[in-house]
Amino acid sequence: MPFDARPLVGVPPESLNIAMFKEEYPPSAFDPEVLEINARPVEERLAALKMVDSADDPTPIVLGMMTLGRIPLDYLPNFFVQFL
């Protein structure tokens, strides 16, 4: 399993910035018509986008923490993004 797809066991779902996810991520990634049709709850959307382990187990995964984490360094020490 790739590192960014691993669940962060013991990390609470509240460590993700759900407000930012609702307001910024889907509107910038999907067509507005698709978002209107898609009436899934936030938990299912997070799971479908691989930000949490599953809708039933909303444990954040590394990718979710890197993109939506309130304080990612608390759970991913030495985390940084490098563009080449």
Protein backbone atom coordinates (compact mmCIF):
# COMPACT_ATOMS: atom_id res chain seq x y z
CA MET A 1 0.00 0.00 0.00
CA PRO A 2 1.41 3.44 -0.89
CA PHE A 3 2.38 5.63 2.04
CA ASP A 4 -0.22 8.31 1.28
CA ALA A 5 -3.05 5.71 1.30
CA ARG A 6 -2.30 4.42 4.81
CA PRO A 7 -4.75 5.22 7.62
CA LEU A 8 -3.46 7.24 10.53
CA VAL A 9 -4.65 4.94 13.32
CA GLY A 10 -5.66 6.82 16.44
CA VAL A 11 -6.07 10.18 14.69
CA PRO A 12 -9.54 11.65 15.25
CA PRO A 13 -11.65 12.70 12.25
CA GLU A 14 -11.89 16.17 13.82
CA SER A 15 -8.25 16.71 12.89
CA LEU A 16 -9.40 17.34 9.30
CA ASN A 17 -10.74 20.75 8.29
CA ILE A 18 -14.19 19.68 7.09
CA ALA A 19 -15.36 23.28 6.56
CA MET A 20 -12.51 23.88 4.12
CA PHE A 21 -13.33 20.60 2.38
CA LYS A 22 -17.00 21.57 1.92
CA GLU A 23 -16.28 25.11 0.73
CA GLU A 24 -13.16 24.67 -1.40
CA TYR A 25 -12.28 21.15 -2.48
CA PRO A 26 -15.37 19.85 -4.34
CA PRO A 27 -16.21 23.19 -6.02
CA SER A 28 -12.69 23.45 -7.41
CA ALA A 29 -12.49 19.79 -8.49
CA PHE A 30 -15.96 19.08 -9.90
CA ASP A 31 -18.53 20.68 -12.17
CA PRO A 32 -21.35 22.41 -10.22
CA GLU A 33 -23.97 20.25 -11.96
CA VAL A 34 -22.23 17.09 -10.74
CA LEU A 35 -22.21 18.44 -7.19
CA GLU A 36 -25.95 19.17 -7.35
CA ILE A 37 -26.71 15.62 -8.47
CA ASN A 38 -24.39 14.09 -5.88
CA ALA A 39 -26.32 14.27 -2.62
CA ARG A 40 -23.99 12.02 -0.62
CA PRO A 41 -23.13 12.97 2.95
CA VAL A 42 -19.73 14.51 3.67
CA GLU A 43 -18.40 11.25 5.16
CA GLU A 44 -19.08 9.39 1.91
CA ARG A 45 -17.52 12.17 -0.17
CA LEU A 46 -14.39 12.12 1.99
CA ALA A 47 -14.16 8.34 1.60
CA ALA A 48 -14.73 8.49 -2.17
CA LEU A 49 -11.90 11.02 -2.51
CA LYS A 50 -9.61 8.88 -0.31
CA MET A 51 -9.32 11.44 2.48
CA VAL A 52 -10.56 8.98 5.13
CA ASP A 53 -10.41 5.20 5.40
CA SER A 54 -14.13 4.68 4.77
CA ALA A 55 -17.50 6.33 5.45
CA ASP A 56 -18.06 3.86 8.31
CA ASP A 57 -14.53 4.38 9.69
CA PRO A 58 -13.64 8.06 9.16
CA THR A 59 -10.02 7.61 10.24
CA PRO A 60 -7.98 10.11 8.22
CA ILE A 61 -5.43 8.67 5.82
CA VAL A 62 -2.09 10.31 5.08
CA LEU A 63 -3.40 11.98 1.90
CA GLY A 64 -6.37 13.42 3.79
CA MET A 65 -4.10 14.78 6.50
CA MET A 66 -1.73 16.31 3.94
CA THR A 67 -4.55 18.11 2.10
CA LEU A 68 -7.12 18.84 4.83
CA GLY A 69 -5.25 18.54 8.12
CA ARG A 70 -5.71 21.33 10.63
CA ILE A 71 -2.18 20.79 11.99
CA PRO A 72 -0.59 18.03 9.86
CA LEU A 73 2.76 18.21 11.66
CA ASP A 74 1.08 16.92 14.83
CA TYR A 75 0.48 13.60 13.05
CA LEU A 76 3.10 13.63 10.26
CA PRO A 77 6.36 14.89 11.79
CA ASN A 78 8.75 16.43 9.27
CA PHE A 79 5.97 16.67 6.67
CA PHE A 80 6.60 19.07 3.81
CA VAL A 81 5.64 19.43 0.16
CA GLN A 82 8.34 19.79 -2.44
CA PHE A 83 7.74 20.88 -6.02
CA LEU A 84 10.33 20.02 -8.61
